[in-house]
Amino acid sequence: MKAGCSQLKPVVLVLIFNVCFYASYQVTELQVCELCGGTILNDTTVGKFCSSSAGRVDGRCCWTNDNTSDPEHIIGLDLSNCSLTHVEDLQAASRALMIDLSLNPIVNVSDSAFQGFTELNYMILPQDIFCPGGNTSWEKVEVKEGNRLCEGQKDTCNQTGQLSINCPENSLCAPYGPGFFECSCADNYHGYKCLREGEFPALQVFGPLGASTVVIAILLWVTQRRKAKSH
């Protein structure tokens, strides 16, 4: 019986670590929703989209509002008229379908600001700001009423899930946001440029990584506990 309990301890610690990590990620999402004061208005583009998608408004974010197994996440982000001059890190909203950045004095948008935004399908930007990835990354780009509208994100790869000339041999190309793509090794290949054939040694690689993660989590817990006691 004691042996069984000792085997469960690492599993419990890993679960605790994962819960803490998820909680910190949620805080980051909430911070994105509070980058600007107020809430999404019903008559705005994102507001109408949120209403038609049966979403839930929280601050400047529209969240999915369903009971599926998929965790609730941001599908719409309205940061219009927020006095933003730079756009750098909105990764917490990387699953958003619509983003509005209009009516902002934006002077710079980081090249990687929307890297990983694979589901982004509609953007509203100030007229002088180009669509992420350039016009060729979108099905339709137009300037209207002082805004630049970017609609229909294109697939950067030749064809998703197929071998691509953009990726090394034995690898597959997949879209990774406007103007970006990522390469992953095809089945039975791994390593640098997917040159190694055979199954990836997951146990040898992730075993020590998992153990070190547990050790770090324990050390952090002990350190915080001591600080709490000292106060």
C-alpha atoms as a PDB file:
ATOM      1  CA  MET A   1       0.000   0.000   0.000  1.00  0.00           C
ATOM      2  CA  LYS A   2       2.800   2.404   0.835  1.00  0.00           C
ATOM      3  CA  ALA A   3       4.457   1.684  -2.505  1.00  0.00           C
ATOM      4  CA  GLY A   4       1.239   2.560  -4.309  1.00  0.00           C
ATOM      5  CA  CYS A   5       1.014   5.919  -2.502  1.00  0.00           C
ATOM      6  CA  SER A   6       4.601   6.808  -3.326  1.00  0.00           C
ATOM      7  CA  GLN A   7       3.912   6.181  -6.998  1.00  0.00           C
ATOM      8  CA  LEU A   8       0.921   8.509  -6.909  1.00  0.00           C
ATOM      9  CA  LYS A   9       2.819  11.465  -5.413  1.00  0.00           C
ATOM     10  CA  PRO A  10       4.681  12.465  -8.634  1.00  0.00           C
ATOM     11  CA  VAL A  11       1.418  12.224 -10.575  1.00  0.00           C
ATOM     12  CA  VAL A  12      -0.343  14.492  -8.071  1.00  0.00           C
ATOM     13  CA  LEU A  13       2.505  17.006  -8.198  1.00  0.00           C
ATOM     14  CA  VAL A  14       2.392  17.094 -11.999  1.00  0.00           C
ATOM     15  CA  LEU A  15      -1.371  17.673 -11.873  1.00  0.00           C
ATOM     16  CA  ILE A  16      -0.881  20.533  -9.394  1.00  0.00           C
ATOM     17  CA  PHE A  17       1.766  22.082 -11.639  1.00  0.00           C
ATOM     18  CA  ASN A  18      -0.530  21.848 -14.676  1.00  0.00           C
ATOM     19  CA  VAL A  19      -3.405  23.465 -12.765  1.00  0.00           C
ATOM     20  CA  CYS A  20      -1.133  26.330 -11.666  1.00  0.00           C
ATOM     21  CA  PHE A  21       0.120  26.808 -15.231  1.00  0.00           C
ATOM     22  CA  TYR A  22      -3.433  26.876 -16.610  1.00  0.00           C
ATOM     23  CA  ALA A  23      -4.485  29.383 -13.952  1.00  0.00           C
ATOM     24  CA  SER A  24      -1.607  31.721 -14.868  1.00  0.00           C
ATOM     25  CA  TYR A  25      -2.587  31.435 -18.539  1.00  0.00           C
ATOM     26  CA  GLN A  26      -6.150  32.419 -17.670  1.00  0.00           C
ATOM     27  CA  VAL A  27      -4.864  35.506 -15.849  1.00  0.00           C
ATOM     28  CA  THR A  28      -2.991  36.499 -18.996  1.00  0.00           C
ATOM     29  CA  GLU A  29      -6.189  36.185 -21.036  1.00  0.00           C
ATOM     30  CA  LEU A  30      -8.028  38.404 -18.571  1.00  0.00           C
ATOM     31  CA  GLN A  31      -5.227  40.980 -18.795  1.00  0.00           C
ATOM     32  CA  VAL A  32      -5.731  41.182 -22.563  1.00  0.00           C
ATOM     33  CA  CYS A  33      -9.427  41.858 -21.974  1.00  0.00           C
ATOM     34  CA  GLU A  34      -8.504  44.746 -19.683  1.00  0.00           C
ATOM     35  CA  LEU A  35      -5.926  46.452 -21.912  1.00  0.00           C
ATOM     36  CA  CYS A  36      -8.534  49.129 -22.462  1.00  0.00           C
ATOM     37  CA  GLY A  37     -11.356  50.428 -20.268  1.00  0.00           C
ATOM     38  CA  GLY A  38     -15.009  49.750 -20.880  1.00  0.00           C
ATOM     39  CA  THR A  39     -16.714  46.794 -22.539  1.00  0.00           C
ATOM     40  CA  ILE A  40     -17.629  45.739 -26.051  1.00  0.00           C
ATOM     41  CA  LEU A  41     -20.649  47.725 -27.262  1.00  0.00           C
ATOM     42  CA  ASN A  42     -23.517  45.878 -28.940  1.00  0.00           C
ATOM     43  CA  ASP A  43     -23.501  48.083 -32.065  1.00  0.00           C
ATOM     44  CA  THR A  44     -19.793  47.598 -32.859  1.00  0.00           C
ATOM     45  CA  THR A  45     -18.483  45.060 -35.358  1.00  0.00           C
ATOM     46  CA  VAL A  46     -17.099  42.789 -32.639  1.00  0.00           C
ATOM     47  CA  GLY A  47     -20.241  43.308 -30.559  1.00  0.00           C
ATOM     48  CA  LYS A  48     -22.500  42.175 -33.411  1.00  0.00           C
ATOM     49  CA  PHE A  49     -20.189  39.229 -34.117  1.00  0.00           C
ATOM     50  CA  CYS A  50     -20.250  38.233 -30.443  1.00  0.00           C
ATOM     51  CA  SER A  51     -24.031  38.401 -30.307  1.00  0.00           C
ATOM     52  CA  SER A  52     -24.445  36.324 -33.481  1.00  0.00           C
ATOM     53  CA  SER A  53     -21.950  33.759 -32.106  1.00  0.00           C
ATOM     54  CA  ALA A  54     -23.805  33.491 -28.758  1.00  0.00           C
ATOM     55  CA  GLY A  55     -20.631  34.682 -27.043  1.00  0.00           C
ATOM     56  CA  ARG A  56     -20.104  36.144 -23.584  1.00  0.00           C
ATOM     57  CA  VAL A  57     -18.757  39.691 -23.218  1.00  0.00           C
ATOM     58  CA  ASP A  58     -16.148  40.345 -20.530  1.00  0.00           C
ATOM     59  CA  GLY A  59     -14.355  43.670 -20.781  1.00  0.00           C
ATOM     60  CA  ARG A  60     -13.003  44.068 -24.314  1.00  0.00           C
ATOM     61  CA  CYS A  61     -13.253  40.335 -25.061  1.00  0.00           C
ATOM     62  CA  CYS A  62     -15.914  38.064 -26.477  1.00  0.00           C
ATOM     63  CA  TRP A  63     -15.629  34.530 -25.087  1.00  0.00           C
ATOM     64  CA  THR A  64     -17.129  31.293 -26.327  1.00  0.00           C
ATOM     65  CA  ASN A  65     -20.174  30.453 -24.285  1.00  0.00           C
ATOM     66  CA  ASP A  66     -20.790  26.738 -24.724  1.00  0.00           C
ATOM     67  CA  ASN A  67     -20.754  23.567 -22.687  1.00  0.00           C
ATOM     68  CA  THR A  68     -18.435  21.536 -24.881  1.00  0.00           C
ATOM     69  CA  SER A  69     -15.255  19.882 -23.657  1.00  0.00           C
ATOM     70  CA  ASP A  70     -13.226  22.625 -25.362  1.00  0.00           C
ATOM     71  CA  PRO A  71     -12.135  25.202 -22.724  1.00  0.00           C
ATOM     72  CA  GLU A  72     -13.725  28.633 -22.996  1.00  0.00           C
ATOM     73  CA  HIS A  73     -11.495  30.985 -24.966  1.00  0.00           C
ATOM     74  CA  ILE A  74     -11.500  34.414 -26.630  1.00  0.00           C
ATOM     75  CA  ILE A  75     -13.130  34.536 -30.068  1.00  0.00           C
ATOM     76  CA  GLY A  76     -13.378  38.310 -30.444  1.00  0.00           C
ATOM     77  CA  LEU A  77     -11.171  41.179 -29.232  1.00  0.00           C
ATOM     78  CA  ASP A  78     -12.164  44.846 -29.485  1.00  0.00           C
ATOM     79  CA  LEU A  79      -9.285  47.214 -28.682  1.00  0.00           C
ATOM     80  CA  SER A  80     -10.565  50.076 -30.809  1.00  0.00           C
ATOM     81  CA  ASN A  81     -10.071  53.645 -29.575  1.00  0.00           C
ATOM     82  CA  CYS A  82      -7.657  52.574 -26.816  1.00  0.00           C
ATOM     83  CA  SER A  83      -4.794  55.037 -27.501  1.00  0.00           C
ATOM     84  CA  LEU A  84      -2.506  52.136 -28.500  1.00  0.00           C
ATOM     85  CA  THR A  85       0.721  53.123 -30.252  1.00  0.00           C
ATOM     86  CA  HIS A  86       2.292  49.644 -30.491  1.00  0.00           C
ATOM     87  CA  VAL A  87       0.958  46.123 -30.883  1.00  0.00           C
ATOM     88  CA  GLU A  88       3.346  43.474 -29.630  1.00  0.00           C
ATOM     89  CA  ASP A  89       1.828  40.738 -27.464  1.00  0.00           C
ATOM     90  CA  LEU A  90      -1.759  39.595 -27.862  1.00  0.00           C
ATOM     91  CA  GLN A  91      -0.926  35.886 -27.710  1.00  0.00           C
ATOM     92  CA  ALA A  92      -3.535  35.247 -25.020  1.00  0.00           C
ATOM     93  CA  ALA A  93      -6.132  35.893 -27.746  1.00  0.00           C
ATOM     94  CA  SER A  94      -4.438  33.670 -30.341  1.00  0.00           C
ATOM     95  CA  ARG A  95      -7.684  31.755 -30.999  1.00  0.00           C
ATOM     96  CA  ALA A  96      -9.654  34.899 -31.804  1.00  0.00           C
ATOM     97  CA  LEU A  97     -11.666  34.955 -35.028  1.00  0.00           C
ATOM     98  CA  MET A  98     -12.045  38.744 -35.098  1.00  0.00           C
ATOM     99  CA  ILE A  99      -9.869  41.616 -33.802  1.00  0.00           C
ATOM    100  CA  ASP A 100     -10.580  45.345 -33.983  1.00  0.00           C
ATOM    101  CA  LEU A 101      -7.627  47.745 -33.541  1.00  0.00           C
ATOM    102  CA  SER A 102      -9.171  50.748 -35.289  1.00  0.00           C
ATOM    103  CA  LEU A 103      -9.122  54.357 -34.015  1.00  0.00           C
ATOM    104  CA  ASN A 104      -5.683  53.926 -32.436  1.00  0.00           C
ATOM    105  CA  PRO A 105      -2.536  56.027 -33.137  1.00  0.00           C
ATOM    106  CA  ILE A 106      -0.574  52.840 -33.913  1.00  0.00           C
ATOM    107  CA  VAL A 107       2.896  53.491 -35.313  1.00  0.00           C
ATOM    108  CA  ASN A 108       4.274  49.959 -35.201  1.00  0.00           C
ATOM    109  CA  VAL A 109       2.989  46.383 -35.279  1.00  0.00           C
ATOM    110  CA  SER A 110       5.513  43.667 -34.454  1.00  0.00           C
ATOM    111  CA  ASP A 111       6.123  41.216 -37.321  1.00  0.00           C
ATOM    112  CA  SER A 112       5.409  38.318 -34.965  1.00  0.00           C
ATOM    113  CA  ALA A 113       2.458  39.936 -33.146  1.00  0.00           C
ATOM    114  CA  PHE A 114      -0.035  37.613 -34.830  1.00  0.00           C
ATOM    115  CA  GLN A 115       2.150  34.549 -35.189  1.00  0.00           C
ATOM    116  CA  GLY A 116       0.070  31.524 -34.207  1.00  0.00           C
ATOM    117  CA  PHE A 117      -3.282  33.251 -34.877  1.00  0.00           C
ATOM    118  CA  THR A 118      -4.418  30.491 -37.225  1.00  0.00           C
ATOM    119  CA  GLU A 119      -8.158  31.094 -36.705  1.00  0.00           C
ATOM    120  CA  LEU A 120      -8.065  34.870 -37.227  1.00  0.00           C
ATOM    121  CA  ASN A 121     -10.392  35.641 -40.120  1.00  0.00           C
ATOM    122  CA  TYR A 122     -11.255  39.339 -39.830  1.00  0.00           C
ATOM    123  CA  MET A 123      -9.273  42.386 -38.707  1.00  0.00           C
ATOM    124  CA  ILE A 124      -9.998  46.107 -38.538  1.00  0.00           C
ATOM    125  CA  LEU A 125      -6.903  48.318 -38.508  1.00  0.00           C
ATOM    126  CA  PRO A 126      -6.100  52.014 -38.844  1.00  0.00           C
ATOM    127  CA  GLN A 127      -5.870  52.953 -42.511  1.00  0.00           C
ATOM    128  CA  ASP A 128      -2.078  53.463 -42.469  1.00  0.00           C
ATOM    129  CA  ILE A 129      -1.326  50.030 -40.937  1.00  0.00           C
ATOM    130  CA  PHE A 130      -0.879  47.105 -43.321  1.00  0.00           C
ATOM    131  CA  CYS A 131      -2.584  43.771 -42.768  1.00  0.00           C
ATOM    132  CA  PRO A 132      -0.422  41.204 -40.892  1.00  0.00           C
ATOM    133  CA  GLY A 133       1.624  39.197 -43.375  1.00  0.00           C
ATOM    134  CA  GLY A 134       0.839  41.663 -46.177  1.00  0.00           C
ATOM    135  CA  ASN A 135      -2.062  41.796 -48.620  1.00  0.00           C
ATOM    136  CA  THR A 136      -1.139  38.425 -50.115  1.00  0.00           C
ATOM    137  CA  SER A 137      -1.961  36.745 -46.790  1.00  0.00           C
ATOM    138  CA  TRP A 138      -5.650  37.713 -47.050  1.00  0.00           C
ATOM    139  CA  GLU A 139      -8.475  36.945 -49.449  1.00  0.00           C
ATOM    140  CA  LYS A 140      -9.760  40.510 -49.338  1.00  0.00           C
ATOM    141  CA  VAL A 141      -8.191  43.808 -48.256  1.00  0.00           C
ATOM    142  CA  GLU A 142      -9.958  47.155 -48.522  1.00  0.00           C
ATOM    143  CA  VAL A 143      -9.783  50.652 -47.053  1.00  0.00           C
ATOM    144  CA  LYS A 144     -13.159  51.893 -45.904  1.00  0.00           C
ATOM    145  CA  GLU A 145     -14.205  54.851 -43.737  1.00  0.00           C
ATOM    146  CA  GLY A 146     -10.644  55.428 -42.502  1.00  0.00           C
ATOM    147  CA  ASN A 147     -10.031  51.773 -41.608  1.00  0.00           C
ATOM    148  CA  ARG A 148      -8.170  48.934 -43.286  1.00  0.00           C
ATOM    149  CA  LEU A 149     -10.186  45.719 -43.388  1.00  0.00           C
ATOM    150  CA  CYS A 150      -8.401  42.362 -43.650  1.00  0.00           C
ATOM    151  CA  GLU A 151     -10.742  39.481 -44.371  1.00  0.00           C
ATOM    152  CA  GLY A 152     -10.217  35.754 -44.979  1.00  0.00           C
ATOM    153  CA  GLN A 153      -6.762  34.614 -43.851  1.00  0.00           C
ATOM    154  CA  LYS A 154      -5.071  32.579 -46.585  1.00  0.00           C
ATOM    155  CA  ASP A 155      -3.296  29.268 -46.106  1.00  0.00           C
ATOM    156  CA  THR A 156       0.436  30.060 -46.372  1.00  0.00           C
ATOM    157  CA  CYS A 157       1.290  26.479 -47.328  1.00  0.00           C
ATOM    158  CA  ASN A 158       0.692  24.988 -50.752  1.00  0.00           C
ATOM    159  CA  GLN A 159      -1.887  22.749 -49.152  1.00  0.00           C
ATOM    160  CA  THR A 160      -2.320  22.051 -45.427  1.00  0.00           C
ATOM    161  CA  GLY A 161      -1.099  18.603 -44.425  1.00  0.00           C
ATOM    162  CA  GLN A 162       0.808  18.047 -47.660  1.00  0.00           C
ATOM    163  CA  LEU A 163       4.522  18.080 -48.414  1.00  0.00           C
ATOM    164  CA  SER A 164       5.603  21.636 -49.194  1.00  0.00           C
ATOM    165  CA  ILE A 165       8.591  23.173 -50.944  1.00  0.00           C
ATOM    166  CA  ASN A 166       8.768  25.596 -48.000  1.00  0.00           C
ATOM    167  CA  CYS A 167       9.644  22.796 -45.593  1.00  0.00           C
ATOM    168  CA  PRO A 168      12.546  20.304 -45.497  1.00  0.00           C
ATOM    169  CA  GLU A 169      12.162  16.873 -47.011  1.00  0.00           C
ATOM    170  CA  ASN A 170      10.114  14.422 -44.903  1.00  0.00           C
ATOM    171  CA  SER A 171       8.173  17.246 -43.231  1.00  0.00           C
ATOM    172  CA  LEU A 172       4.681  18.723 -43.510  1.00  0.00           C
ATOM    173  CA  CYS A 173       3.672  22.373 -43.777  1.00  0.00           C
ATOM    174  CA  ALA A 174       0.877  23.901 -41.690  1.00  0.00           C
ATOM    175  CA  PRO A 175      -0.330  27.536 -41.439  1.00  0.00           C
ATOM    176  CA  TYR A 176       0.783  29.437 -38.344  1.00  0.00           C
ATOM    177  CA  GLY A 177      -0.891  32.812 -38.604  1.00  0.00           C
ATOM    178  CA  PRO A 178      -0.965  35.509 -41.323  1.00  0.00           C
ATOM    179  CA  GLY A 179       2.176  35.134 -43.443  1.00  0.00           C
ATOM    180  CA  PHE A 180       3.599  32.367 -41.219  1.00  0.00           C
ATOM    181  CA  PHE A 181       3.869  28.615 -41.506  1.00  0.00           C
ATOM    182  CA  GLU A 182       5.423  25.840 -39.455  1.00  0.00           C
ATOM    183  CA  CYS A 183       6.958  22.531 -40.438  1.00  0.00           C
ATOM    184  CA  SER A 184       6.445  19.272 -38.586  1.00  0.00           C
ATOM    185  CA  CYS A 185       8.079  15.939 -39.312  1.00  0.00           C
ATOM    186  CA  ALA A 186       6.092  13.407 -41.270  1.00  0.00           C
ATOM    187  CA  ASP A 187       5.218  10.073 -39.684  1.00  0.00           C
ATOM    188  CA  ASN A 188       8.223   7.956 -38.738  1.00  0.00           C
ATOM    189  CA  TYR A 189      10.673  10.879 -39.016  1.00  0.00           C
ATOM    190  CA  HIS A 190      12.174  13.118 -36.329  1.00  0.00           C
ATOM    191  CA  GLY A 191      15.288  15.102 -35.427  1.00  0.00           C
ATOM    192  CA  TYR A 192      17.041  18.027 -37.101  1.00  0.00           C
ATOM    193  CA  LYS A 193      15.326  18.772 -40.428  1.00  0.00           C
ATOM    194  CA  CYS A 194      13.424  15.487 -39.971  1.00  0.00           C
ATOM    195  CA  LEU A 195      16.418  13.493 -41.205  1.00  0.00           C
ATOM    196  CA  ARG A 196      16.161  10.694 -38.623  1.00  0.00           C
ATOM    197  CA  GLU A 197      13.859   7.830 -39.422  1.00  0.00           C
ATOM    198  CA  GLY A 198      12.111   5.779 -36.757  1.00  0.00           C
ATOM    199  CA  GLU A 199      10.049   6.504 -33.668  1.00  0.00           C
ATOM    200  CA  PHE A 200      10.954   9.510 -31.553  1.00  0.00           C
ATOM    201  CA  PRO A 201      12.501   8.397 -28.199  1.00  0.00           C
ATOM    202  CA  ALA A 202       9.808  10.109 -26.130  1.00  0.00           C
ATOM    203  CA  LEU A 203      10.564   8.298 -22.869  1.00  0.00           C
ATOM    204  CA  GLN A 204      14.275   9.122 -22.936  1.00  0.00           C
ATOM    205  CA  VAL A 205      13.579  12.797 -23.753  1.00  0.00           C
ATOM    206  CA  PHE A 206      10.480  13.608 -21.716  1.00  0.00           C
ATOM    207  CA  GLY A 207      11.237  11.329 -18.765  1.00  0.00           C
ATOM    208  CA  PRO A 208      14.087  13.486 -17.385  1.00  0.00           C
ATOM    209  CA  LEU A 209      12.170  16.634 -18.405  1.00  0.00           C
ATOM    210  CA  GLY A 210       9.134  15.553 -16.410  1.00  0.00           C
ATOM    211  CA  ALA A 211      11.261  14.665 -13.406  1.00  0.00           C
ATOM    212  CA  SER A 212      13.033  18.027 -13.457  1.00  0.00           C
ATOM    213  CA  THR A 213       9.660  19.807 -13.731  1.00  0.00           C
ATOM    214  CA  VAL A 214       8.418  18.018 -10.608  1.00  0.00           C
ATOM    215  CA  VAL A 215      11.611  18.889  -8.720  1.00  0.00           C
ATOM    216  CA  ILE A 216      11.337  22.569  -9.670  1.00  0.00           C
ATOM    217  CA  ALA A 217       7.667  22.623  -8.652  1.00  0.00           C
ATOM    218  CA  ILE A 218       8.552  21.135  -5.246  1.00  0.00           C
ATOM    219  CA  LEU A 219      11.369  23.639  -4.711  1.00  0.00           C
ATOM    220  CA  LEU A 220       9.095  26.549  -5.583  1.00  0.00           C
ATOM    221  CA  TRP A 221       6.391  25.245  -3.245  1.00  0.00           C
ATOM    222  CA  VAL A 222       8.868  24.821  -0.368  1.00  0.00           C
ATOM    223  CA  THR A 223      10.366  28.282  -0.962  1.00  0.00           C
ATOM    224  CA  GLN A 224       6.976  29.998  -0.998  1.00  0.00           C
ATOM    225  CA  ARG A 225       5.903  28.077   2.113  1.00  0.00           C
ATOM    226  CA  ARG A 226       8.992  29.248   4.010  1.00  0.00           C
ATOM    227  CA  LYS A 227       8.381  32.852   2.964  1.00  0.00           C
ATOM    228  CA  ALA A 228       4.793  32.616   4.106  1.00  0.00           C
ATOM    229  CA  LYS A 229       5.855  31.266   7.503  1.00  0.00           C
ATOM    230  CA  SER A 230       8.514  33.954   7.934  1.00  0.00           C
ATOM    231  CA  HIS A 231       5.879  36.662   7.466  1.00  0.00           C
END
